[in-house]
Amino acid sequence: MKADNRFIKTYTQGRVTVMEIWVDRETGVNYIYHAAGYSGGLTVLLDKDGKPVITPQMDLPY
């Protein structure tokens, strides 16, 4: 199976209660992942105007 490197983890915090930020390398859209115990969730990270946070592709490590 081919390794797919479309998403990259750019931030992580915590060990038991985890919060991470993932960036889609194709679109630059940022996602926030939060896990606590046996539950977790993933959603688009929004700015103060309610628009998705987008990282320019030139700023993404390859």
N, C-alpha and C. Protein backbone atom coordinates (compact mmCIF):
# COMPACT_ATOMS: atom_id res chain seq x y z
N MET A 1 0.84 -1.17 0.00
CA MET A 1 0.00 0.00 0.00
C MET A 1 0.89 1.24 0.00
N LYS A 2 0.56 2.21 -0.84
CA LYS A 2 1.32 3.44 -0.97
C LYS A 2 1.07 4.36 0.22
N ALA A 3 2.14 4.95 0.74
CA ALA A 3 1.99 5.91 1.82
C ALA A 3 1.41 7.21 1.27
N ASP A 4 0.40 7.74 1.92
CA ASP A 4 -0.23 8.97 1.49
C ASP A 4 0.14 10.07 2.48
N ASN A 5 0.83 11.08 1.99
CA ASN A 5 1.29 12.17 2.85
C ASN A 5 0.48 13.44 2.62
N ARG A 6 -0.81 13.31 2.38
CA ARG A 6 -1.64 14.48 2.10
C ARG A 6 -1.78 15.38 3.32
N PHE A 7 -1.84 14.81 4.52
CA PHE A 7 -2.02 15.59 5.73
C PHE A 7 -0.74 15.60 6.55
N ILE A 8 -0.47 16.74 7.17
CA ILE A 8 0.70 16.86 8.02
C ILE A 8 0.28 17.45 9.37
N LYS A 9 0.80 16.88 10.46
CA LYS A 9 0.49 17.39 11.80
C LYS A 9 1.44 18.55 12.08
N THR A 10 0.88 19.73 12.37
CA THR A 10 1.71 20.91 12.59
C THR A 10 1.76 21.33 14.05
N TYR A 11 0.88 20.78 14.89
CA TYR A 11 0.84 21.16 16.31
C TYR A 11 0.26 20.02 17.11
N THR A 12 0.80 19.78 18.29
CA THR A 12 0.23 18.80 19.20
C THR A 12 0.40 19.29 20.63
N GLN A 13 -0.59 18.99 21.46
CA GLN A 13 -0.58 19.40 22.86
C GLN A 13 -1.26 18.32 23.69
N GLY A 14 -0.66 17.95 24.79
CA GLY A 14 -1.26 17.01 25.72
C GLY A 14 -0.89 15.57 25.47
N ARG A 15 -1.20 14.74 26.48
CA ARG A 15 -0.93 13.30 26.39
C ARG A 15 -2.19 12.49 26.61
N VAL A 16 -2.93 12.80 27.65
CA VAL A 16 -4.18 12.10 27.92
C VAL A 16 -5.32 12.78 27.16
N THR A 17 -5.41 14.07 27.32
CA THR A 17 -6.33 14.87 26.52
C THR A 17 -5.49 15.52 25.43
N VAL A 18 -5.73 15.15 24.19
CA VAL A 18 -4.88 15.55 23.08
C VAL A 18 -5.58 16.56 22.19
N MET A 19 -4.83 17.58 21.78
CA MET A 19 -5.31 18.52 20.78
C MET A 19 -4.22 18.63 19.71
N GLU A 20 -4.61 18.47 18.44
CA GLU A 20 -3.67 18.53 17.33
C GLU A 20 -4.23 19.40 16.22
N ILE A 21 -3.34 19.99 15.45
CA ILE A 21 -3.73 20.71 14.24
C ILE A 21 -3.10 19.99 13.06
N TRP A 22 -3.93 19.66 12.08
CA TRP A 22 -3.50 18.97 10.87
C TRP A 22 -3.77 19.88 9.67
N VAL A 23 -2.88 19.86 8.69
CA VAL A 23 -3.03 20.69 7.49
C VAL A 23 -3.09 19.78 6.27
N ASP A 24 -4.06 20.05 5.41
CA ASP A 24 -4.19 19.35 4.13
C ASP A 24 -3.19 19.98 3.16
N ARG A 25 -2.23 19.22 2.69
CA ARG A 25 -1.18 19.76 1.81
C ARG A 25 -1.72 20.20 0.45
N GLU A 26 -2.81 19.64 0.01
CA GLU A 26 -3.36 20.01 -1.30
C GLU A 26 -4.14 21.32 -1.25
N THR A 27 -4.90 21.55 -0.18
CA THR A 27 -5.75 22.73 -0.10
C THR A 27 -5.24 23.78 0.88
N GLY A 28 -4.39 23.39 1.84
CA GLY A 28 -3.89 24.29 2.86
C GLY A 28 -4.85 24.49 4.02
N VAL A 29 -6.02 23.83 3.99
CA VAL A 29 -7.02 23.98 5.04
C VAL A 29 -6.52 23.31 6.33
N ASN A 30 -6.70 24.01 7.46
CA ASN A 30 -6.30 23.52 8.78
C ASN A 30 -7.49 22.84 9.47
N TYR A 31 -7.21 21.74 10.14
CA TYR A 31 -8.22 21.00 10.89
C TYR A 31 -7.74 20.85 12.32
N ILE A 32 -8.67 20.89 13.29
CA ILE A 32 -8.32 20.68 14.68
C ILE A 32 -8.91 19.35 15.14
N TYR A 33 -8.08 18.56 15.80
CA TYR A 33 -8.48 17.26 16.33
C TYR A 33 -8.34 17.32 17.84
N HIS A 34 -9.38 16.86 18.54
CA HIS A 34 -9.36 16.84 20.00
C HIS A 34 -9.81 15.46 20.46
N ALA A 35 -9.05 14.85 21.35
CA ALA A 35 -9.40 13.53 21.89
C ALA A 35 -9.26 13.55 23.40
N ALA A 36 -10.23 12.95 24.06
CA ALA A 36 -10.21 12.81 25.51
C ALA A 36 -10.81 11.46 25.85
N GLY A 37 -10.01 10.60 26.47
CA GLY A 37 -10.49 9.27 26.80
C GLY A 37 -10.78 8.46 25.54
N TYR A 38 -12.01 7.93 25.44
CA TYR A 38 -12.38 7.11 24.31
C TYR A 38 -13.09 7.88 23.20
N SER A 39 -13.18 9.20 23.32
CA SER A 39 -13.88 9.97 22.30
C SER A 39 -12.95 11.00 21.67
N GLY A 40 -13.28 11.41 20.46
CA GLY A 40 -12.48 12.41 19.77
C GLY A 40 -13.28 13.03 18.65
N GLY A 41 -12.77 14.11 18.11
CA GLY A 41 -13.47 14.77 17.02
C GLY A 41 -12.52 15.57 16.16
N LEU A 42 -12.92 15.78 14.92
CA LEU A 42 -12.13 16.52 13.95
C LEU A 42 -13.03 17.54 13.27
N THR A 43 -12.56 18.79 13.15
CA THR A 43 -13.35 19.81 12.48
C THR A 43 -12.43 20.83 11.85
N VAL A 44 -12.96 21.61 10.93
CA VAL A 44 -12.20 22.68 10.28
C VAL A 44 -11.89 23.75 11.32
N LEU A 45 -10.66 24.26 11.30
CA LEU A 45 -10.26 25.34 12.19
C LEU A 45 -10.68 26.66 11.55
N LEU A 46 -11.44 27.47 12.29
CA LEU A 46 -11.98 28.71 11.76
C LEU A 46 -11.29 29.93 12.35
N ASP A 47 -11.22 31.01 11.56
CA ASP A 47 -10.66 32.26 12.07
C ASP A 47 -11.75 33.09 12.75
N LYS A 48 -11.43 34.31 13.13
CA LYS A 48 -12.40 35.13 13.88
C LYS A 48 -13.62 35.52 13.06
N ASP A 49 -13.53 35.44 11.71
CA ASP A 49 -14.65 35.77 10.83
C ASP A 49 -15.46 34.54 10.44
N GLY A 50 -15.08 33.37 10.96
CA GLY A 50 -15.80 32.15 10.65
C GLY A 50 -15.37 31.49 9.35
N LYS A 51 -14.24 31.92 8.80
CA LYS A 51 -13.72 31.34 7.56
C LYS A 51 -12.60 30.34 7.90
N PRO A 52 -12.42 29.30 7.08
CA PRO A 52 -11.37 28.32 7.35
C PRO A 52 -9.98 28.94 7.36
N VAL A 53 -9.15 28.49 8.29
CA VAL A 53 -7.76 28.92 8.33
C VAL A 53 -7.03 28.15 7.23
N ILE A 54 -6.33 28.88 6.36
CA ILE A 54 -5.61 28.27 5.24
C ILE A 54 -4.15 28.63 5.32
N THR A 55 -3.28 27.62 5.32
CA THR A 55 -1.85 27.81 5.32
C THR A 55 -1.36 27.83 3.88
N PRO A 56 -0.62 28.88 3.48
CA PRO A 56 -0.08 28.89 2.11
C PRO A 56 0.80 27.68 1.86
N GLN A 57 0.72 27.10 0.68
CA GLN A 57 1.46 25.87 0.38
C GLN A 57 2.95 26.06 0.47
N MET A 58 3.46 27.26 0.21
CA MET A 58 4.91 27.47 0.29
C MET A 58 5.41 27.39 1.74
N ASP A 59 4.50 27.51 2.71
CA ASP A 59 4.87 27.43 4.13
C ASP A 59 4.84 25.99 4.66
N LEU A 60 4.36 25.04 3.86
CA LEU A 60 4.23 23.66 4.32
C LEU A 60 5.51 22.87 4.06
N PRO A 61 5.99 22.14 5.07
CA PRO A 61 7.17 21.29 4.86
C PRO A 61 6.84 20.07 4.02
N TYR A 62 7.76 19.64 3.20
CA TYR A 62 7.58 18.44 2.39
C TYR A 62 8.65 17.51 2.73
